[in-house]
């Protein structure tokens, strides 16, 4: 056989096995088997924790965004309170 035919057959066989495996996983989830979840561990690198690699004050992006939003909301509320205290001009 030609090498291209062998390569095509091998790729096709791997594709069929992959699709069959995915179908088996979906059917297993439907029957109440434990679902596989993808969780990003904090120590994704073998020998170090994330804080060792990025510094002790490292925080996940979601937490940094929440803190930034809270800080912005706090500043906005403070500004509104200060504006509410100022004297008004009545006509």
PDB file of N, CA and C in Angstrom:
ATOM      1  N   UNK A   1       0.833  -1.183   0.000  1.00  0.00           N
ATOM      2  CA  UNK A   1       0.000   0.000   0.000  1.00  0.00           C
ATOM      3  C   UNK A   1       0.877   1.245   0.000  1.00  0.00           C
ATOM      4  N   UNK A   2       0.280   2.281  -0.425  1.00  0.00           N
ATOM      5  CA  UNK A   2       1.020   3.531  -0.463  1.00  0.00           C
ATOM      6  C   UNK A   2       1.077   4.144   0.939  1.00  0.00           C
ATOM      7  N   UNK A   3       2.138   4.896   1.235  1.00  0.00           N
ATOM      8  CA  UNK A   3       2.260   5.518   2.561  1.00  0.00           C
ATOM      9  C   UNK A   3       1.110   6.482   2.869  1.00  0.00           C
ATOM     10  N   UNK A   4       0.627   7.188   1.865  1.00  0.00           N
ATOM     11  CA  UNK A   4      -0.459   8.131   2.089  1.00  0.00           C
ATOM     12  C   UNK A   4      -1.741   7.405   2.486  1.00  0.00           C
ATOM     13  N   UNK A   5      -1.973   6.246   1.909  1.00  0.00           N
ATOM     14  CA  UNK A   5      -3.152   5.455   2.261  1.00  0.00           C
ATOM     15  C   UNK A   5      -3.035   4.945   3.695  1.00  0.00           C
ATOM     16  N   UNK A   6      -1.841   4.501   4.080  1.00  0.00           N
ATOM     17  CA  UNK A   6      -1.633   4.047   5.454  1.00  0.00           C
ATOM     18  C   UNK A   6      -1.828   5.195   6.451  1.00  0.00           C
ATOM     19  N   UNK A   7      -1.297   6.363   6.129  1.00  0.00           N
ATOM     20  CA  UNK A   7      -1.450   7.515   7.006  1.00  0.00           C
ATOM     21  C   UNK A   7      -2.924   7.903   7.152  1.00  0.00           C
ATOM     22  N   UNK A   8      -3.636   7.922   6.028  1.00  0.00           N
ATOM     23  CA  UNK A   8      -5.062   8.257   6.069  1.00  0.00           C
ATOM     24  C   UNK A   8      -5.837   7.241   6.902  1.00  0.00           C
ATOM     25  N   UNK A   9      -5.520   5.983   6.741  1.00  0.00           N
ATOM     26  CA  UNK A   9      -6.184   4.940   7.521  1.00  0.00           C
ATOM     27  C   UNK A   9      -5.887   5.070   9.003  1.00  0.00           C
ATOM     28  N   UNK A  10      -4.631   5.379   9.360  1.00  0.00           N
ATOM     29  CA  UNK A  10      -4.261   5.533  10.769  1.00  0.00           C
ATOM     30  C   UNK A  10      -4.976   6.726  11.394  1.00  0.00           C
ATOM     31  N   UNK A  11      -5.020   7.842  10.680  1.00  0.00           N
ATOM     32  CA  UNK A  11      -5.712   9.028  11.187  1.00  0.00           C
ATOM     33  C   UNK A  11      -7.203   8.747  11.350  1.00  0.00           C
ATOM     34  N   UNK A  12      -7.787   8.064  10.391  1.00  0.00           N
ATOM     35  CA  UNK A  12      -9.205   7.710  10.472  1.00  0.00           C
ATOM     36  C   UNK A  12      -9.487   6.792  11.653  1.00  0.00           C
ATOM     37  N   UNK A  13      -8.628   5.797  11.874  1.00  0.00           N
ATOM     38  CA  UNK A  13      -8.802   4.870  12.991  1.00  0.00           C
ATOM     39  C   UNK A  13      -8.697   5.605  14.327  1.00  0.00           C
ATOM     40  N   UNK A  14      -7.738   6.493  14.453  1.00  0.00           N
ATOM     41  CA  UNK A  14      -7.592   7.277  15.687  1.00  0.00           C
ATOM     42  C   UNK A  14      -8.823   8.163  15.896  1.00  0.00           C
ATOM     43  N   UNK A  15      -9.335   8.751  14.826  1.00  0.00           N
ATOM     44  CA  UNK A  15     -10.536   9.580  14.923  1.00  0.00           C
ATOM     45  C   UNK A  15     -11.743   8.779  15.379  1.00  0.00           C
ATOM     46  N   UNK A  16     -11.924   7.587  14.844  1.00  0.00           N
ATOM     47  CA  UNK A  16     -13.043   6.727  15.234  1.00  0.00           C
ATOM     48  C   UNK A  16     -12.922   6.323  16.700  1.00  0.00           C
ATOM     49  N   UNK A  17     -11.729   5.978  17.134  1.00  0.00           N
ATOM     50  CA  UNK A  17     -11.515   5.613  18.541  1.00  0.00           C
ATOM     51  C   UNK A  17     -11.808   6.811  19.446  1.00  0.00           C
ATOM     52  N   UNK A  18     -11.380   7.984  19.042  1.00  0.00           N
ATOM     53  CA  UNK A  18     -11.608   9.203  19.837  1.00  0.00           C
ATOM     54  C   UNK A  18     -13.106   9.496  19.965  1.00  0.00           C
ATOM     55  N   UNK A  19     -13.821   9.416  18.860  1.00  0.00           N
ATOM     56  CA  UNK A  19     -15.263   9.676  18.882  1.00  0.00           C
ATOM     57  C   UNK A  19     -15.970   8.630  19.742  1.00  0.00           C
ATOM     58  N   UNK A  20     -15.578   7.377  19.613  1.00  0.00           N
ATOM     59  CA  UNK A  20     -16.171   6.317  20.432  1.00  0.00           C
ATOM     60  C   UNK A  20     -15.924   6.535  21.913  1.00  0.00           C
ATOM     61  N   UNK A  21     -14.735   7.000  22.266  1.00  0.00           N
ATOM     62  CA  UNK A  21     -14.409   7.277  23.665  1.00  0.00           C
ATOM     63  C   UNK A  21     -15.260   8.425  24.202  1.00  0.00           C
ATOM     64  N   UNK A  22     -15.426   9.471  23.405  1.00  0.00           N
ATOM     65  CA  UNK A  22     -16.258  10.600  23.831  1.00  0.00           C
ATOM     66  C   UNK A  22     -17.714  10.182  24.016  1.00  0.00           C
ATOM     67  N   UNK A  23     -18.224   9.358  23.120  1.00  0.00           N
ATOM     68  CA  UNK A  23     -19.598   8.876  23.251  1.00  0.00           C
ATOM     69  C   UNK A  23     -19.743   8.039  24.513  1.00  0.00           C
ATOM     70  N   UNK A  24     -18.753   7.205  24.814  1.00  0.00           N
ATOM     71  CA  UNK A  24     -18.803   6.379  26.023  1.00  0.00           C
ATOM     72  C   UNK A  24     -18.794   7.255  27.272  1.00  0.00           C
ATOM     73  N   UNK A  25     -18.038   8.339  27.271  1.00  0.00           N
ATOM     74  CA  UNK A  25     -18.017   9.248  28.426  1.00  0.00           C
ATOM     75  C   UNK A  25     -19.362   9.930  28.612  1.00  0.00           C
ATOM     76  N   UNK A  26     -19.980  10.357  27.508  1.00  0.00           N
ATOM     77  CA  UNK A  26     -21.284  11.020  27.593  1.00  0.00           C
ATOM     78  C   UNK A  26     -22.331  10.050  28.118  1.00  0.00           C
ATOM     79  N   UNK A  27     -22.325   8.832  27.649  1.00  0.00           N
ATOM     80  CA  UNK A  27     -23.292   7.845  28.121  1.00  0.00           C
ATOM     81  C   UNK A  27     -23.046   7.485  29.578  1.00  0.00           C
ATOM     82  N   UNK A  28     -21.786   7.460  29.999  1.00  0.00           N
ATOM     83  CA  UNK A  28     -21.474   7.150  31.393  1.00  0.00           C
ATOM     84  C   UNK A  28     -21.966   8.265  32.310  1.00  0.00           C
ATOM     85  N   UNK A  29     -21.876   9.519  31.882  1.00  0.00           N
ATOM     86  CA  UNK A  29     -22.376  10.633  32.687  1.00  0.00           C
ATOM     87  C   UNK A  29     -23.893  10.538  32.823  1.00  0.00           C
ATOM     88  N   UNK A  30     -24.552  10.118  31.769  1.00  0.00           N
ATOM     89  CA  UNK A  30     -25.995  10.010  31.797  1.00  0.00           C
ATOM     90  C   UNK A  30     -26.486   8.930  32.747  1.00  0.00           C
ATOM     91  N   UNK A  31     -25.701   7.918  32.990  1.00  0.00           N
ATOM     92  CA  UNK A  31     -26.099   6.828  33.868  1.00  0.00           C
ATOM     93  C   UNK A  31     -25.793   7.117  35.329  1.00  0.00           C
ATOM     94  N   UNK A  32     -25.296   8.275  35.648  1.00  0.00           N
ATOM     95  CA  UNK A  32     -25.043   8.634  37.033  1.00  0.00           C
ATOM     96  C   UNK A  32     -23.621   8.393  37.481  1.00  0.00           C
ATOM     97  N   UNK A  33     -22.748   8.084  36.568  1.00  0.00           N
ATOM     98  CA  UNK A  33     -21.343   7.910  36.937  1.00  0.00           C
ATOM     99  C   UNK A  33     -20.755   9.278  37.289  1.00  0.00           C
ATOM    100  N   UNK A  34     -19.691   9.252  38.033  1.00  0.00           N
ATOM    101  CA  UNK A  34     -19.054  10.495  38.450  1.00  0.00           C
ATOM    102  C   UNK A  34     -18.564  11.251  37.222  1.00  0.00           C
ATOM    103  N   UNK A  35     -18.958  12.493  37.121  1.00  0.00           N
ATOM    104  CA  UNK A  35     -18.555  13.328  35.998  1.00  0.00           C
ATOM    105  C   UNK A  35     -17.137  13.823  36.227  1.00  0.00           C
ATOM    106  N   UNK A  36     -16.389  13.874  35.162  1.00  0.00           N
ATOM    107  CA  UNK A  36     -15.030  14.389  35.279  1.00  0.00           C
ATOM    108  C   UNK A  36     -15.086  15.906  35.228  1.00  0.00           C
ATOM    109  N   UNK A  37     -14.468  16.548  36.185  1.00  0.00           N
ATOM    110  CA  UNK A  37     -14.428  18.002  36.217  1.00  0.00           C
ATOM    111  C   UNK A  37     -12.990  18.456  36.054  1.00  0.00           C
ATOM    112  N   UNK A  38     -12.844  19.551  35.366  1.00  0.00           N
ATOM    113  CA  UNK A  38     -11.511  20.108  35.175  1.00  0.00           C
ATOM    114  C   UNK A  38     -11.315  21.218  36.195  1.00  0.00           C
ATOM    115  N   UNK A  39     -10.440  20.984  37.128  1.00  0.00           N
ATOM    116  CA  UNK A  39     -10.132  21.961  38.167  1.00  0.00           C
ATOM    117  C   UNK A  39      -8.673  22.356  38.010  1.00  0.00           C
ATOM    118  N   UNK A  40      -8.433  23.643  37.960  1.00  0.00           N
ATOM    119  CA  UNK A  40      -7.065  24.119  37.849  1.00  0.00           C
ATOM    120  C   UNK A  40      -6.457  24.142  39.245  1.00  0.00           C
ATOM    121  N   UNK A  41      -5.487  23.287  39.508  1.00  0.00           N
ATOM    122  CA  UNK A  41      -4.894  23.278  40.836  1.00  0.00           C
ATOM    123  C   UNK A  41      -4.041  24.525  41.050  1.00  0.00           C
ATOM    124  N   UNK A  42      -3.919  24.904  42.312  1.00  0.00           N
ATOM    125  CA  UNK A  42      -3.125  26.088  42.603  1.00  0.00           C
ATOM    126  C   UNK A  42      -1.634  25.801  42.435  1.00  0.00           C
ATOM    127  N   UNK A  43      -1.262  24.543  42.524  1.00  0.00           N
ATOM    128  CA  UNK A  43       0.142  24.185  42.334  1.00  0.00           C
ATOM    129  C   UNK A  43       0.291  23.472  40.995  1.00  0.00           C
ATOM    130  N   UNK A  44      -0.011  24.187  39.915  1.00  0.00           N
ATOM    131  CA  UNK A  44      -0.009  23.588  38.586  1.00  0.00           C
ATOM    132  C   UNK A  44       1.395  23.208  38.139  1.00  0.00           C
ATOM    133  N   UNK A  45       2.374  23.863  38.679  1.00  0.00           N
ATOM    134  CA  UNK A  45       3.746  23.513  38.338  1.00  0.00           C
ATOM    135  C   UNK A  45       4.207  22.496  39.360  1.00  0.00           C
ATOM    136  N   UNK A  46       4.996  21.535  38.945  1.00  0.00           N
ATOM    137  CA  UNK A  46       5.320  20.378  39.789  1.00  0.00           C
ATOM    138  C   UNK A  46       5.924  20.747  41.139  1.00  0.00           C
ATOM    139  N   UNK A  47       6.819  21.684  41.184  1.00  0.00           N
ATOM    140  CA  UNK A  47       7.606  21.895  42.391  1.00  0.00           C
ATOM    141  C   UNK A  47       7.292  23.186  43.135  1.00  0.00           C
ATOM    142  N   UNK A  48       6.502  24.054  42.559  1.00  0.00           N
ATOM    143  CA  UNK A  48       6.255  25.359  43.166  1.00  0.00           C
ATOM    144  C   UNK A  48       4.773  25.615  43.271  1.00  0.00           C
ATOM    145  N   UNK A  49       4.403  26.445  44.229  1.00  0.00           N
ATOM    146  CA  UNK A  49       3.043  26.953  44.294  1.00  0.00           C
ATOM    147  C   UNK A  49       2.990  28.223  43.467  1.00  0.00           C
ATOM    148  N   UNK A  50       1.781  28.651  43.130  1.00  0.00           N
ATOM    149  CA  UNK A  50       1.629  29.824  42.291  1.00  0.00           C
ATOM    150  C   UNK A  50       2.252  31.056  42.949  1.00  0.00           C
ATOM    151  N   UNK A  51       2.122  31.170  44.267  1.00  0.00           N
ATOM    152  CA  UNK A  51       2.685  32.336  44.947  1.00  0.00           C
ATOM    153  C   UNK A  51       4.212  32.324  44.905  1.00  0.00           C
ATOM    154  N   UNK A  52       4.825  31.133  44.843  1.00  0.00           N
ATOM    155  CA  UNK A  52       6.277  31.067  44.716  1.00  0.00           C
ATOM    156  C   UNK A  52       6.731  31.582  43.354  1.00  0.00           C
ATOM    157  N   UNK A  53       5.915  31.351  42.339  1.00  0.00           N
ATOM    158  CA  UNK A  53       6.289  31.774  40.991  1.00  0.00           C
ATOM    159  C   UNK A  53       5.981  33.242  40.736  1.00  0.00           C
ATOM    160  N   UNK A  54       4.839  33.722  41.258  1.00  0.00           N
ATOM    161  CA  UNK A  54       4.390  35.066  40.918  1.00  0.00           C
ATOM    162  C   UNK A  54       4.481  36.058  42.059  1.00  0.00           C
ATOM    163  N   UNK A  55       4.954  35.646  43.206  1.00  0.00           N
ATOM    164  CA  UNK A  55       5.099  36.555  44.338  1.00  0.00           C
ATOM    165  C   UNK A  55       4.041  36.303  45.389  1.00  0.00           C
ATOM    166  N   UNK A  56       4.306  36.733  46.617  1.00  0.00           N
ATOM    167  CA  UNK A  56       3.380  36.449  47.720  1.00  0.00           C
ATOM    168  C   UNK A  56       2.071  37.225  47.631  1.00  0.00           C
ATOM    169  N   UNK A  57       2.042  38.352  46.919  1.00  0.00           N
ATOM    170  CA  UNK A  57       0.814  39.136  46.828  1.00  0.00           C
ATOM    171  C   UNK A  57      -0.002  38.794  45.586  1.00  0.00           C
ATOM    172  N   UNK A  58       0.270  37.658  44.967  1.00  0.00           N
ATOM    173  CA  UNK A  58      -0.454  37.229  43.774  1.00  0.00           C
ATOM    174  C   UNK A  58      -1.874  36.839  44.140  1.00  0.00           C
ATOM    175  N   UNK A  59      -2.835  37.250  43.294  1.00  0.00           N
ATOM    176  CA  UNK A  59      -4.238  36.883  43.470  1.00  0.00           C
ATOM    177  C   UNK A  59      -4.791  36.499  42.107  1.00  0.00           C
ATOM    178  N   UNK A  60      -5.772  35.608  42.079  1.00  0.00           N
ATOM    179  CA  UNK A  60      -6.392  35.253  40.799  1.00  0.00           C
ATOM    180  C   UNK A  60      -7.053  36.467  40.159  1.00  0.00           C
ATOM    181  N   UNK A  61      -7.232  36.411  38.856  1.00  0.00           N
ATOM    182  CA  UNK A  61      -7.780  37.538  38.106  1.00  0.00           C
ATOM    183  C   UNK A  61      -9.178  37.889  38.603  1.00  0.00           C
ATOM    184  N   UNK A  62     -10.009  36.875  38.872  1.00  0.00           N
ATOM    185  CA  UNK A  62     -11.373  37.143  39.322  1.00  0.00           C
ATOM    186  C   UNK A  62     -11.381  37.916  40.638  1.00  0.00           C
ATOM    187  N   UNK A  63     -10.494  37.532  41.552  1.00  0.00           N
ATOM    188  CA  UNK A  63     -10.438  38.205  42.846  1.00  0.00           C
ATOM    189  C   UNK A  63      -9.950  39.642  42.683  1.00  0.00           C
ATOM    190  N   UNK A  64      -8.967  39.851  41.821  1.00  0.00           N
ATOM    191  CA  UNK A  64      -8.475  41.212  41.587  1.00  0.00           C
ATOM    192  C   UNK A  64      -9.564  42.089  40.982  1.00  0.00           C
ATOM    193  N   UNK A  65     -10.348  41.526  40.043  1.00  0.00           N
ATOM    194  CA  UNK A  65     -11.428  42.294  39.428  1.00  0.00           C
ATOM    195  C   UNK A  65     -12.498  42.643  40.452  1.00  0.00           C
ATOM    196  N   UNK A  66     -12.841  41.685  41.336  1.00  0.00           N
ATOM    197  CA  UNK A  66     -13.828  41.950  42.378  1.00  0.00           C
ATOM    198  C   UNK A  66     -13.352  43.060  43.303  1.00  0.00           C
ATOM    199  N   UNK A  67     -12.079  43.013  43.709  1.00  0.00           N
ATOM    200  CA  UNK A  67     -11.539  44.037  44.600  1.00  0.00           C
ATOM    201  C   UNK A  67     -11.518  45.400  43.922  1.00  0.00           C
ATOM    202  N   UNK A  68     -11.172  45.426  42.641  1.00  0.00           N
ATOM    203  CA  UNK A  68     -11.145  46.693  41.911  1.00  0.00           C
ATOM    204  C   UNK A  68     -12.552  47.275  41.812  1.00  0.00           C
ATOM    205  N   UNK A  69     -13.542  46.425  41.543  1.00  0.00           N
ATOM    206  CA  UNK A  69     -14.928  46.884  41.455  1.00  0.00           C
ATOM    207  C   UNK A  69     -15.406  47.402  42.809  1.00  0.00           C
ATOM    208  N   UNK A  70     -15.093  46.689  43.884  1.00  0.00           N
ATOM    209  CA  UNK A  70     -15.497  47.136  45.213  1.00  0.00           C
ATOM    210  C   UNK A  70     -14.855  48.471  45.565  1.00  0.00           C
ATOM    211  N   UNK A  71     -13.586  48.638  45.208  1.00  0.00           N
ATOM    212  CA  UNK A  71     -12.897  49.894  45.474  1.00  0.00           C
ATOM    213  C   UNK A  71     -13.538  51.034  44.693  1.00  0.00           C
ATOM    214  N   UNK A  72     -13.864  50.782  43.433  1.00  0.00           N
ATOM    215  CA  UNK A  72     -14.510  51.800  42.611  1.00  0.00           C
ATOM    216  C   UNK A  72     -15.878  52.152  43.187  1.00  0.00           C
ATOM    217  N   UNK A  73     -16.644  51.134  43.588  1.00  0.00           N
ATOM    218  CA  UNK A  73     -17.962  51.391  44.175  1.00  0.00           C
ATOM    219  C   UNK A  73     -17.841  52.182  45.470  1.00  0.00           C
ATOM    220  N   UNK A  74     -16.843  51.866  46.273  1.00  0.00           N
ATOM    221  CA  UNK A  74     -16.634  52.581  47.533  1.00  0.00           C
ATOM    222  C   UNK A  74     -16.298  54.044  47.276  1.00  0.00           C
ATOM    223  N   UNK A  75     -15.414  54.291  46.309  1.00  0.00           N
ATOM    224  CA  UNK A  75     -15.060  55.673  45.981  1.00  0.00           C
ATOM    225  C   UNK A  75     -16.268  56.440  45.453  1.00  0.00           C
ATOM    226  N   UNK A  76     -17.078  55.786  44.626  1.00  0.00           N
ATOM    227  CA  UNK A  76     -18.265  56.429  44.078  1.00  0.00           C
ATOM    228  C   UNK A  76     -19.259  56.771  45.190  1.00  0.00           C
ATOM    229  N   UNK A  77     -19.453  55.855  46.122  1.00  0.00           N
ATOM    230  CA  UNK A  77     -20.358  56.124  47.247  1.00  0.00           C
ATOM    231  C   UNK A  77     -19.842  57.273  48.116  1.00  0.00           C
ATOM    232  N   UNK A  78     -18.539  57.299  48.351  1.00  0.00           N
ATOM    233  CA  UNK A  78     -17.939  58.383  49.139  1.00  0.00           C
ATOM    234  C   UNK A  78     -18.164  59.733  48.452  1.00  0.00           C
ATOM    235  N   UNK A  79     -18.004  59.769  47.143  1.00  0.00           N
ATOM    236  CA  UNK A  79     -18.203  61.007  46.399  1.00  0.00           C
ATOM    237  C   UNK A  79     -19.664  61.452  46.492  1.00  0.00           C
ATOM    238  N   UNK A  80     -20.595  60.520  46.392  1.00  0.00           N
ATOM    239  CA  UNK A  80     -22.015  60.865  46.504  1.00  0.00           C
ATOM    240  C   UNK A  80     -22.347  61.400  47.902  1.00  0.00           C
ATOM    241  N   UNK A  81     -21.767  60.784  48.934  1.00  0.00           N
ATOM    242  CA  UNK A  81     -22.003  61.257  50.291  1.00  0.00           C
ATOM    243  C   UNK A  81     -21.486  62.678  50.468  1.00  0.00           C
ATOM    244  N   UNK A  82     -20.287  62.950  49.935  1.00  0.00           N
ATOM    245  CA  UNK A  82     -19.714  64.290  50.045  1.00  0.00           C
ATOM    246  C   UNK A  82     -20.563  65.316  49.297  1.00  0.00           C
ATOM    247  N   UNK A  83     -21.082  64.935  48.133  1.00  0.00           N
ATOM    248  CA  UNK A  83     -21.927  65.850  47.380  1.00  0.00           C
ATOM    249  C   UNK A  83     -23.257  66.082  48.080  1.00  0.00           C
ATOM    250  N   UNK A  84     -23.757  65.080  48.782  1.00  0.00           N
ATOM    251  CA  UNK A  84     -25.031  65.225  49.488  1.00  0.00           C
ATOM    252  C   UNK A  84     -24.898  66.183  50.672  1.00  0.00           C
ATOM    253  N   UNK A  85     -23.711  66.318  51.229  1.00  0.00           N
ATOM    254  CA  UNK A  85     -23.493  67.181  52.394  1.00  0.00           C
ATOM    255  C   UNK A  85     -23.348  68.653  52.036  1.00  0.00           C
ATOM    256  N   UNK A  86     -23.040  68.972  50.801  1.00  0.00           N
ATOM    257  CA  UNK A  86     -22.787  70.362  50.441  1.00  0.00           C
ATOM    258  C   UNK A  86     -24.090  71.155  50.419  1.00  0.00           C
ATOM    259  N   UNK A  87     -23.984  72.461  50.638  1.00  0.00           N
ATOM    260  CA  UNK A  87     -25.192  73.293  50.663  1.00  0.00           C
ATOM    261  C   UNK A  87     -25.811  73.405  49.275  1.00  0.00           C
ATOM    262  N   UNK A  88     -27.122  73.457  49.231  1.00  0.00           N
ATOM    263  CA  UNK A  88     -27.842  73.556  47.964  1.00  0.00           C
ATOM    264  C   UNK A  88     -28.301  74.991  47.731  1.00  0.00           C
ATOM    265  N   UNK A  89     -28.425  75.332  46.503  1.00  0.00           N
ATOM    266  CA  UNK A  89     -28.931  76.640  46.126  1.00  0.00           C
ATOM    267  C   UNK A  89     -30.417  76.510  45.835  1.00  0.00           C
ATOM    268  N   UNK A  90     -31.213  77.196  46.645  1.00  0.00           N
ATOM    269  CA  UNK A  90     -32.659  77.149  46.441  1.00  0.00           C
ATOM    270  C   UNK A  90     -33.110  78.453  45.824  1.00  0.00           C
ATOM    271  N   UNK A  91     -33.963  78.374  44.852  1.00  0.00           N
ATOM    272  CA  UNK A  91     -34.443  79.566  44.146  1.00  0.00           C
ATOM    273  C   UNK A  91     -35.878  79.820  44.520  1.00  0.00           C
TER     274      UNK A  91
END
